[in-house]
Amino acid sequence: MKIKYCLIPLIAICLSLISATTIPIAETKPSEDTTVKVGLTLKPPAEVKAKKMGFFQKLAFKIAVRKLKKHHYKLPDDTAKADSMANTSLWFGGLALLFALIPWYTIFLVIPLGILAILFGSNAKKSGTKKTTKANIGRGLGIAALVVFAVFLIAALIWWSEFLSAF
């Protein structure tokens, strides 16, 4: 087991050095002047050729794109709206679960409140809320309320079918 834990950092170091070792280094001729040359010539766009990105370059690019999307420049108003949606998701999820446990007329509130809790929690996370825990808990409570409602509904239908078969 200790060998496996020693190999993981070594593999990580080797993989991180792969891209650094594959970069070609321009060799200078000893007869050339090594002073700084200021002349720079730009190639026309037709002469510039694109290179395919390697695996690690693609990986780094995808990580950078995700970070930019995740931390996109959001206004404070956007995060406040997302935070209020997370709170709403938590409240709707709690109420849906409470109404799922209370019989009779509150059954009609469980489905809309559960669905709204799931939707508000998902939208809050997509909008970049700082209260992701509340959004996740609200979504979880909404899902739990719908599951409890479905179980109680199935149990009631089974009981009702047994009750009618007795006659």
N, C-alpha and C. Protein backbone atom coordinates (compact mmCIF):
# COMPACT_ATOMS: atom_id res chain seq x y z
N MET A 1 0.82 -1.20 0.00
CA MET A 1 0.00 0.00 0.00
C MET A 1 0.86 1.26 0.00
N LYS A 2 2.00 1.21 0.73
CA LYS A 2 2.85 2.39 0.78
C LYS A 2 3.46 2.70 -0.58
N ILE A 3 3.70 1.66 -1.36
CA ILE A 3 4.29 1.86 -2.69
C ILE A 3 3.31 2.65 -3.57
N LYS A 4 2.02 2.34 -3.46
CA LYS A 4 1.04 3.05 -4.27
C LYS A 4 1.01 4.53 -3.91
N TYR A 5 1.10 4.83 -2.62
CA TYR A 5 1.06 6.23 -2.21
C TYR A 5 2.32 6.98 -2.62
N CYS A 6 3.43 6.28 -2.78
CA CYS A 6 4.67 6.92 -3.24
C CYS A 6 4.65 7.13 -4.75
N LEU A 7 3.97 6.23 -5.47
CA LEU A 7 3.95 6.33 -6.92
C LEU A 7 3.08 7.47 -7.42
N ILE A 8 2.03 7.79 -6.70
CA ILE A 8 1.10 8.83 -7.16
C ILE A 8 1.78 10.18 -7.32
N PRO A 9 2.55 10.66 -6.31
CA PRO A 9 3.24 11.95 -6.53
C PRO A 9 4.28 11.87 -7.64
N LEU A 10 4.96 10.73 -7.76
CA LEU A 10 5.96 10.60 -8.83
C LEU A 10 5.31 10.65 -10.21
N ILE A 11 4.18 9.99 -10.36
CA ILE A 11 3.47 10.03 -11.63
C ILE A 11 2.99 11.44 -11.93
N ALA A 12 2.50 12.13 -10.90
CA ALA A 12 2.02 13.50 -11.09
C ALA A 12 3.16 14.42 -11.53
N ILE A 13 4.33 14.24 -10.93
CA ILE A 13 5.48 15.07 -11.30
C ILE A 13 5.91 14.76 -12.73
N CYS A 14 5.94 13.49 -13.08
CA CYS A 14 6.33 13.11 -14.45
C CYS A 14 5.35 13.68 -15.47
N LEU A 15 4.05 13.59 -15.18
CA LEU A 15 3.06 14.11 -16.12
C LEU A 15 3.13 15.63 -16.23
N SER A 16 3.46 16.30 -15.13
CA SER A 16 3.55 17.76 -15.21
C SER A 16 4.79 18.21 -15.98
N LEU A 17 5.81 17.38 -16.00
CA LEU A 17 7.03 17.75 -16.72
C LEU A 17 7.00 17.39 -18.19
N ILE A 18 6.04 16.61 -18.61
CA ILE A 18 5.99 16.19 -20.01
C ILE A 18 5.87 17.39 -20.94
N SER A 19 4.95 18.29 -20.65
CA SER A 19 4.75 19.42 -21.55
C SER A 19 5.95 20.36 -21.53
N ALA A 20 6.64 20.46 -20.39
CA ALA A 20 7.80 21.35 -20.31
C ALA A 20 8.99 20.77 -21.06
N THR A 21 9.09 19.46 -21.14
CA THR A 21 10.25 18.88 -21.81
C THR A 21 10.05 18.75 -23.32
N THR A 22 8.83 18.89 -23.78
CA THR A 22 8.60 18.74 -25.22
C THR A 22 8.68 20.06 -25.98
N ILE A 23 8.93 21.15 -25.31
CA ILE A 23 9.04 22.44 -25.98
C ILE A 23 10.42 22.53 -26.63
N PRO A 24 10.46 22.75 -27.95
CA PRO A 24 11.77 22.82 -28.61
C PRO A 24 12.48 24.13 -28.24
N ILE A 25 13.76 24.01 -27.97
CA ILE A 25 14.56 25.18 -27.62
C ILE A 25 15.38 25.57 -28.85
N ALA A 26 15.31 26.84 -29.21
CA ALA A 26 16.04 27.33 -30.38
C ALA A 26 17.53 27.41 -30.03
N GLU A 27 18.31 26.83 -30.87
CA GLU A 27 19.75 26.85 -30.66
C GLU A 27 20.35 28.07 -31.34
N THR A 28 21.25 28.70 -30.66
CA THR A 28 21.93 29.86 -31.25
C THR A 28 23.26 29.42 -31.82
N LYS A 29 23.60 30.01 -32.94
CA LYS A 29 24.88 29.70 -33.55
C LYS A 29 25.95 30.57 -32.90
N PRO A 30 27.11 30.00 -32.66
CA PRO A 30 28.15 30.79 -31.98
C PRO A 30 28.65 31.97 -32.81
N SER A 31 28.48 31.92 -34.12
CA SER A 31 28.99 33.01 -34.94
C SER A 31 28.03 34.20 -34.96
N GLU A 32 26.76 33.99 -34.52
CA GLU A 32 25.79 35.09 -34.55
C GLU A 32 26.04 36.06 -33.41
N ASP A 33 25.57 37.27 -33.64
CA ASP A 33 25.63 38.27 -32.60
C ASP A 33 24.49 38.01 -31.62
N THR A 34 24.77 37.92 -30.33
CA THR A 34 23.75 37.58 -29.34
C THR A 34 23.12 38.82 -28.71
N THR A 35 23.39 39.99 -29.24
CA THR A 35 22.76 41.19 -28.70
C THR A 35 21.29 41.21 -29.11
N VAL A 36 20.52 42.01 -28.42
CA VAL A 36 19.08 42.07 -28.66
C VAL A 36 18.80 42.71 -30.01
N LYS A 37 17.94 42.03 -30.77
CA LYS A 37 17.55 42.56 -32.07
C LYS A 37 16.13 43.09 -31.94
N VAL A 38 15.92 44.29 -32.42
CA VAL A 38 14.64 44.94 -32.27
C VAL A 38 13.73 44.67 -33.45
N GLY A 39 14.21 44.30 -34.56
CA GLY A 39 13.40 44.11 -35.75
C GLY A 39 12.44 42.93 -35.59
N LEU A 40 11.18 43.17 -35.85
CA LEU A 40 10.17 42.12 -35.74
C LEU A 40 9.33 42.13 -36.99
N THR A 41 9.25 41.01 -37.63
CA THR A 41 8.44 40.92 -38.84
C THR A 41 7.22 40.07 -38.55
N LEU A 42 6.09 40.56 -38.96
CA LEU A 42 4.85 39.82 -38.78
C LEU A 42 4.52 39.08 -40.06
N LYS A 43 4.06 37.86 -39.89
CA LYS A 43 3.68 37.08 -41.05
C LYS A 43 2.23 37.40 -41.40
N PRO A 44 1.90 37.37 -42.67
CA PRO A 44 0.50 37.55 -43.05
C PRO A 44 -0.34 36.38 -42.52
N PRO A 45 -1.63 36.57 -42.31
CA PRO A 45 -2.46 35.51 -41.74
C PRO A 45 -2.47 34.22 -42.55
N ALA A 46 -2.21 34.30 -43.84
CA ALA A 46 -2.22 33.09 -44.67
C ALA A 46 -1.04 32.19 -44.33
N GLU A 47 0.07 32.75 -43.86
CA GLU A 47 1.25 31.96 -43.57
C GLU A 47 1.26 31.36 -42.18
N VAL A 48 0.44 31.88 -41.29
CA VAL A 48 0.41 31.38 -39.92
C VAL A 48 -0.35 30.06 -39.89
N LYS A 49 0.27 29.05 -39.32
CA LYS A 49 -0.37 27.74 -39.25
C LYS A 49 -0.70 27.43 -37.79
N ALA A 50 -1.89 26.92 -37.59
CA ALA A 50 -2.31 26.54 -36.24
C ALA A 50 -1.78 25.16 -35.91
N LYS A 51 -1.44 24.96 -34.65
CA LYS A 51 -0.98 23.66 -34.20
C LYS A 51 -2.07 23.03 -33.34
N LYS A 52 -2.13 21.74 -33.39
CA LYS A 52 -3.08 21.05 -32.53
C LYS A 52 -2.59 21.12 -31.10
N MET A 53 -3.56 21.26 -30.18
CA MET A 53 -3.19 21.29 -28.78
C MET A 53 -2.98 19.86 -28.29
N GLY A 54 -2.03 19.71 -27.39
CA GLY A 54 -1.79 18.41 -26.78
C GLY A 54 -2.82 18.14 -25.69
N PHE A 55 -2.73 16.98 -25.08
CA PHE A 55 -3.68 16.58 -24.06
C PHE A 55 -3.68 17.54 -22.88
N PHE A 56 -2.49 17.86 -22.37
CA PHE A 56 -2.40 18.73 -21.20
C PHE A 56 -2.81 20.16 -21.53
N GLN A 57 -2.53 20.60 -22.74
CA GLN A 57 -2.98 21.93 -23.15
C GLN A 57 -4.49 21.99 -23.23
N LYS A 58 -5.12 20.93 -23.79
CA LYS A 58 -6.58 20.88 -23.83
C LYS A 58 -7.16 20.87 -22.43
N LEU A 59 -6.55 20.09 -21.54
CA LEU A 59 -7.02 20.01 -20.17
C LEU A 59 -6.93 21.36 -19.47
N ALA A 60 -5.79 22.02 -19.63
CA ALA A 60 -5.62 23.34 -19.02
C ALA A 60 -6.60 24.35 -19.61
N PHE A 61 -6.84 24.26 -20.91
CA PHE A 61 -7.79 25.16 -21.56
C PHE A 61 -9.20 24.95 -21.02
N LYS A 62 -9.62 23.68 -20.87
CA LYS A 62 -10.96 23.39 -20.35
C LYS A 62 -11.11 23.88 -18.92
N ILE A 63 -10.07 23.71 -18.11
CA ILE A 63 -10.12 24.19 -16.73
C ILE A 63 -10.24 25.71 -16.70
N ALA A 64 -9.49 26.38 -17.55
CA ALA A 64 -9.55 27.84 -17.59
C ALA A 64 -10.92 28.32 -18.04
N VAL A 65 -11.51 27.65 -19.03
CA VAL A 65 -12.83 28.04 -19.51
C VAL A 65 -13.87 27.85 -18.42
N ARG A 66 -13.79 26.74 -17.68
CA ARG A 66 -14.75 26.51 -16.60
C ARG A 66 -14.61 27.54 -15.50
N LYS A 67 -13.36 27.89 -15.17
CA LYS A 67 -13.17 28.91 -14.14
C LYS A 67 -13.73 30.25 -14.59
N LEU A 68 -13.55 30.57 -15.86
CA LEU A 68 -14.09 31.83 -16.36
C LEU A 68 -15.62 31.81 -16.35
N LYS A 69 -16.21 30.66 -16.71
CA LYS A 69 -17.67 30.58 -16.69
C LYS A 69 -18.20 30.62 -15.27
N LYS A 70 -17.50 29.93 -14.36
CA LYS A 70 -17.96 29.86 -12.98
C LYS A 70 -17.84 31.21 -12.29
N HIS A 71 -16.73 31.89 -12.53
CA HIS A 71 -16.50 33.18 -11.88
C HIS A 71 -16.64 34.32 -12.88
N HIS A 72 -17.64 34.18 -13.71
CA HIS A 72 -17.90 35.23 -14.69
C HIS A 72 -18.24 36.50 -13.94
N TYR A 73 -17.93 37.59 -14.52
CA TYR A 73 -18.13 38.85 -13.83
C TYR A 73 -19.61 39.10 -13.60
N LYS A 74 -20.05 38.81 -12.38
CA LYS A 74 -21.46 38.96 -12.03
C LYS A 74 -21.64 40.23 -11.21
N LEU A 75 -22.75 40.86 -11.43
CA LEU A 75 -23.07 42.03 -10.66
C LEU A 75 -23.56 41.60 -9.27
N PRO A 76 -23.41 42.45 -8.26
CA PRO A 76 -23.89 42.09 -6.92
C PRO A 76 -25.40 41.81 -6.90
N ASP A 77 -26.14 42.45 -7.80
CA ASP A 77 -27.57 42.24 -7.86
C ASP A 77 -27.89 40.81 -8.30
N ASP A 78 -27.07 40.26 -9.21
CA ASP A 78 -27.29 38.90 -9.68
C ASP A 78 -27.10 37.89 -8.56
N THR A 79 -26.05 38.07 -7.75
CA THR A 79 -25.82 37.13 -6.66
C THR A 79 -26.87 37.28 -5.57
N ALA A 80 -27.37 38.50 -5.35
CA ALA A 80 -28.42 38.68 -4.36
C ALA A 80 -29.69 37.98 -4.81
N LYS A 81 -29.99 38.06 -6.09
CA LYS A 81 -31.16 37.37 -6.63
C LYS A 81 -30.99 35.86 -6.51
N ALA A 82 -29.80 35.37 -6.80
CA ALA A 82 -29.53 33.94 -6.70
C ALA A 82 -29.59 33.47 -5.24
N ASP A 83 -29.11 34.31 -4.32
CA ASP A 83 -29.19 33.95 -2.90
C ASP A 83 -30.63 33.88 -2.43
N SER A 84 -31.46 34.81 -2.89
CA SER A 84 -32.87 34.76 -2.49
C SER A 84 -33.56 33.54 -3.10
N MET A 85 -33.13 33.14 -4.30
CA MET A 85 -33.70 31.92 -4.89
C MET A 85 -33.28 30.68 -4.10
N ALA A 86 -32.07 30.67 -3.56
CA ALA A 86 -31.63 29.55 -2.72
C ALA A 86 -32.45 29.48 -1.44
N ASN A 87 -32.70 30.64 -0.82
CA ASN A 87 -33.55 30.66 0.38
C ASN A 87 -34.96 30.20 0.06
N THR A 88 -35.49 30.63 -1.06
CA THR A 88 -36.84 30.22 -1.47
C THR A 88 -36.89 28.73 -1.70
N SER A 89 -35.86 28.18 -2.30
CA SER A 89 -35.80 26.74 -2.53
C SER A 89 -35.83 25.98 -1.21
N LEU A 90 -35.08 26.48 -0.23
CA LEU A 90 -35.06 25.84 1.09
C LEU A 90 -36.43 25.87 1.74
N TRP A 91 -37.10 27.02 1.68
CA TRP A 91 -38.43 27.15 2.28
C TRP A 91 -39.45 26.26 1.56
N PHE A 92 -39.44 26.30 0.24
CA PHE A 92 -40.39 25.46 -0.51
C PHE A 92 -40.15 23.97 -0.25
N GLY A 93 -38.90 23.57 -0.18
CA GLY A 93 -38.59 22.17 0.10
C GLY A 93 -39.05 21.74 1.48
N GLY A 94 -38.81 22.60 2.48
CA GLY A 94 -39.26 22.29 3.84
C GLY A 94 -40.77 22.21 3.94
N LEU A 95 -41.45 23.17 3.33
CA LEU A 95 -42.92 23.15 3.36
C LEU A 95 -43.47 21.94 2.60
N ALA A 96 -42.85 21.59 1.49
CA ALA A 96 -43.33 20.44 0.72
C ALA A 96 -43.19 19.15 1.54
N LEU A 97 -42.07 19.00 2.23
CA LEU A 97 -41.88 17.80 3.05
C LEU A 97 -42.84 17.79 4.24
N LEU A 98 -43.07 18.95 4.83
CA LEU A 98 -44.03 19.04 5.93
C LEU A 98 -45.43 18.68 5.46
N PHE A 99 -45.83 19.22 4.32
CA PHE A 99 -47.17 18.93 3.80
C PHE A 99 -47.29 17.49 3.30
N ALA A 100 -46.17 16.87 2.93
CA ALA A 100 -46.22 15.47 2.52
C ALA A 100 -46.53 14.56 3.70
N LEU A 101 -46.13 14.99 4.89
CA LEU A 101 -46.37 14.18 6.08
C LEU A 101 -47.74 14.43 6.71
N ILE A 102 -48.40 15.52 6.35
CA ILE A 102 -49.74 15.83 6.87
C ILE A 102 -50.76 15.33 5.87
N PRO A 103 -51.71 14.52 6.29
CA PRO A 103 -52.66 13.94 5.33
C PRO A 103 -53.73 14.93 4.87
N TRP A 104 -54.51 14.48 3.90
CA TRP A 104 -55.70 15.07 3.33
C TRP A 104 -55.42 16.24 2.40
N TYR A 105 -55.94 17.42 2.70
CA TYR A 105 -55.99 18.50 1.71
C TYR A 105 -54.62 19.06 1.36
N THR A 106 -53.62 18.87 2.20
CA THR A 106 -52.28 19.41 1.89
C THR A 106 -51.57 18.59 0.81
N ILE A 107 -52.17 17.46 0.43
CA ILE A 107 -51.56 16.63 -0.62
C ILE A 107 -51.43 17.44 -1.91
N PHE A 108 -52.36 18.33 -2.15
CA PHE A 108 -52.33 19.11 -3.40
C PHE A 108 -51.23 20.17 -3.40
N LEU A 109 -50.63 20.43 -2.24
CA LEU A 109 -49.54 21.39 -2.17
C LEU A 109 -48.17 20.74 -2.34
N VAL A 110 -48.09 19.45 -2.12
CA VAL A 110 -46.79 18.78 -2.13
C VAL A 110 -46.15 18.82 -3.52
N ILE A 111 -46.89 18.47 -4.53
CA ILE A 111 -46.30 18.39 -5.88
C ILE A 111 -45.82 19.76 -6.38
N PRO A 112 -46.65 20.81 -6.32
CA PRO A 112 -46.12 22.11 -6.80
C PRO A 112 -44.96 22.63 -5.97
N LEU A 113 -45.06 22.49 -4.63
CA LEU A 113 -43.96 23.01 -3.80
C LEU A 113 -42.68 22.21 -4.01
N GLY A 114 -42.79 20.89 -4.17
CA GLY A 114 -41.60 20.07 -4.42
C GLY A 114 -40.94 20.43 -5.74
N ILE A 115 -41.75 20.60 -6.76
CA ILE A 115 -41.20 20.95 -8.07
C ILE A 115 -40.58 22.35 -8.04
N LEU A 116 -41.25 23.28 -7.38
CA LEU A 116 -40.69 24.64 -7.27
C LEU A 116 -39.39 24.65 -6.48
N ALA A 117 -39.30 23.83 -5.43
CA ALA A 117 -38.06 23.77 -4.65
C ALA A 117 -36.91 23.27 -5.52
N ILE A 118 -37.18 22.26 -6.33
CA ILE A 118 -36.13 21.73 -7.21
C ILE A 118 -35.73 22.78 -8.25
N LEU A 119 -36.70 23.44 -8.85
CA LEU A 119 -36.40 24.44 -9.87
C LEU A 119 -35.64 25.64 -9.31
N PHE A 120 -36.10 26.15 -8.15
CA PHE A 120 -35.43 27.31 -7.57
C PHE A 120 -34.00 26.96 -7.14
N GLY A 121 -33.81 25.75 -6.59
CA GLY A 121 -32.46 25.35 -6.20
C GLY A 121 -31.53 25.24 -7.39
N SER A 122 -32.02 24.65 -8.48
CA SER A 122 -31.19 24.50 -9.69
C SER A 122 -30.87 25.86 -10.29
N ASN A 123 -31.87 26.73 -10.38
CA ASN A 123 -31.64 28.06 -10.95
C ASN A 123 -30.71 28.89 -10.09
N ALA A 124 -30.81 28.74 -8.77
CA ALA A 124 -29.91 29.49 -7.88
C ALA A 124 -28.47 29.06 -8.10
N LYS A 125 -28.23 27.77 -8.26
CA LYS A 125 -26.86 27.30 -8.48
C LYS A 125 -26.34 27.75 -9.83
N LYS A 126 -27.21 27.74 -10.85
CA LYS A 126 -26.77 28.19 -12.17
C LYS A 126 -26.49 29.69 -12.19
N SER A 127 -27.20 30.45 -11.34
CA SER A 127 -27.02 31.90 -11.30
C SER A 127 -25.81 32.30 -10.48
N GLY A 128 -25.17 31.37 -9.83
CA GLY A 128 -23.95 31.68 -9.08
C GLY A 128 -24.20 32.15 -7.68
N THR A 129 -25.04 31.44 -6.94
CA THR A 129 -25.32 31.83 -5.57
C THR A 129 -24.13 31.54 -4.66
N LYS A 130 -24.04 32.31 -3.60
CA LYS A 130 -23.02 32.05 -2.59
C LYS A 130 -23.55 31.04 -1.58
N LYS A 131 -24.85 30.80 -1.59
CA LYS A 131 -25.48 29.89 -0.64
C LYS A 131 -25.82 28.57 -1.33
N THR A 132 -24.80 27.89 -1.81
CA THR A 132 -25.03 26.64 -2.53
C THR A 132 -25.56 25.55 -1.61
N THR A 133 -25.19 25.61 -0.32
CA THR A 133 -25.68 24.60 0.62
C THR A 133 -27.19 24.70 0.76
N LYS A 134 -27.69 25.91 0.89
CA LYS A 134 -29.15 26.09 1.01
C LYS A 134 -29.85 25.63 -0.26
N ALA A 135 -29.27 25.92 -1.40
CA ALA A 135 -29.88 25.49 -2.66
C ALA A 135 -29.91 23.97 -2.76
N ASN A 136 -28.81 23.32 -2.38
CA ASN A 136 -28.75 21.86 -2.43
C ASN A 136 -29.73 21.23 -1.44
N ILE A 137 -29.81 21.78 -0.23
CA ILE A 137 -30.73 21.24 0.76
C ILE A 137 -32.17 21.44 0.30
N GLY A 138 -32.49 22.59 -0.28
CA GLY A 138 -33.84 22.84 -0.79
C GLY A 138 -34.20 21.86 -1.89
N ARG A 139 -33.27 21.61 -2.80
CA ARG A 139 -33.52 20.62 -3.86
C ARG A 139 -33.73 19.23 -3.27
N GLY A 140 -32.89 18.88 -2.30
CA GLY A 140 -33.01 17.57 -1.66
C GLY A 140 -34.34 17.40 -0.94
N LEU A 141 -34.77 18.45 -0.24
CA LEU A 141 -36.06 18.39 0.45
C LEU A 141 -37.21 18.29 -0.54
N GLY A 142 -37.11 18.98 -1.65
CA GLY A 142 -38.16 18.88 -2.67
C GLY A 142 -38.25 17.49 -3.24
N ILE A 143 -37.10 16.90 -3.52
CA ILE A 143 -37.08 15.52 -4.05
C ILE A 143 -37.62 14.56 -2.99
N ALA A 144 -37.20 14.74 -1.73
CA ALA A 144 -37.67 13.87 -0.66
C ALA A 144 -39.18 13.99 -0.49
N ALA A 145 -39.72 15.20 -0.59
CA ALA A 145 -41.17 15.38 -0.45
C ALA A 145 -41.91 14.66 -1.56
N LEU A 146 -41.40 14.75 -2.78
CA LEU A 146 -42.05 14.05 -3.89
C LEU A 146 -41.98 12.53 -3.72
N VAL A 147 -40.87 12.03 -3.22
CA VAL A 147 -40.73 10.59 -3.00
C VAL A 147 -41.67 10.13 -1.90
N VAL A 148 -41.72 10.87 -0.79
CA VAL A 148 -42.63 10.51 0.32
C VAL A 148 -44.08 10.56 -0.16
N PHE A 149 -44.41 11.56 -0.94
CA PHE A 149 -45.77 11.66 -1.47
C PHE A 149 -46.09 10.46 -2.37
N ALA A 150 -45.14 10.07 -3.22
CA ALA A 150 -45.36 8.93 -4.10
C ALA A 150 -45.53 7.63 -3.31
N VAL A 151 -44.73 7.45 -2.26
CA VAL A 151 -44.84 6.25 -1.43
C VAL A 151 -46.19 6.22 -0.73
N PHE A 152 -46.60 7.35 -0.16
CA PHE A 152 -47.91 7.40 0.51
C PHE A 152 -49.04 7.19 -0.49
N LEU A 153 -48.91 7.72 -1.68
CA LEU A 153 -49.95 7.54 -2.69
C LEU A 153 -50.06 6.07 -3.11
N ILE A 154 -48.92 5.42 -3.31
CA ILE A 154 -48.94 4.00 -3.66
C ILE A 154 -49.53 3.17 -2.53
N ALA A 155 -49.15 3.48 -1.28
CA ALA A 155 -49.70 2.75 -0.13
C ALA A 155 -51.21 2.97 -0.03
N ALA A 156 -51.67 4.19 -0.30
CA ALA A 156 -53.11 4.46 -0.24
C ALA A 156 -53.85 3.71 -1.35
N LEU A 157 -53.28 3.65 -2.53
CA LEU A 157 -53.91 2.91 -3.63
C LEU A 157 -53.97 1.41 -3.33
N ILE A 158 -52.92 0.87 -2.74
CA ILE A 158 -52.94 -0.54 -2.36
C ILE A 158 -54.00 -0.80 -1.30
N TRP A 159 -54.05 0.07 -0.30
CA TRP A 159 -55.05 -0.07 0.75
C TRP A 159 -56.45 0.04 0.16
N TRP A 160 -56.65 0.99 -0.75
CA TRP A 160 -57.97 1.19 -1.35
C TRP A 160 -58.39 -0.03 -2.18
N SER A 161 -57.43 -0.61 -2.93
CA SER A 161 -57.76 -1.79 -3.74
C SER A 161 -58.09 -3.00 -2.84
N GLU A 162 -57.39 -3.13 -1.70
CA GLU A 162 -57.70 -4.20 -0.76
C GLU A 162 -59.05 -3.97 -0.12
N PHE A 163 -59.37 -2.72 0.15
CA PHE A 163 -60.65 -2.39 0.78
C PHE A 163 -61.81 -2.70 -0.18
N LEU A 164 -61.63 -2.37 -1.46
CA LEU A 164 -62.69 -2.63 -2.44
C LEU A 164 -62.82 -4.11 -2.78
N SER A 165 -61.72 -4.85 -2.70
CA SER A 165 -61.80 -6.27 -3.02
C SER A 165 -62.50 -7.07 -1.92
N ALA A 166 -62.61 -6.47 -0.75
CA ALA A 166 -63.32 -7.16 0.35
C ALA A 166 -64.82 -7.23 0.07
N PHE A 167 -65.33 -6.35 -0.74
CA PHE A 167 -66.79 -6.34 -1.01
C PHE A 167 -67.11 -7.17 -2.17
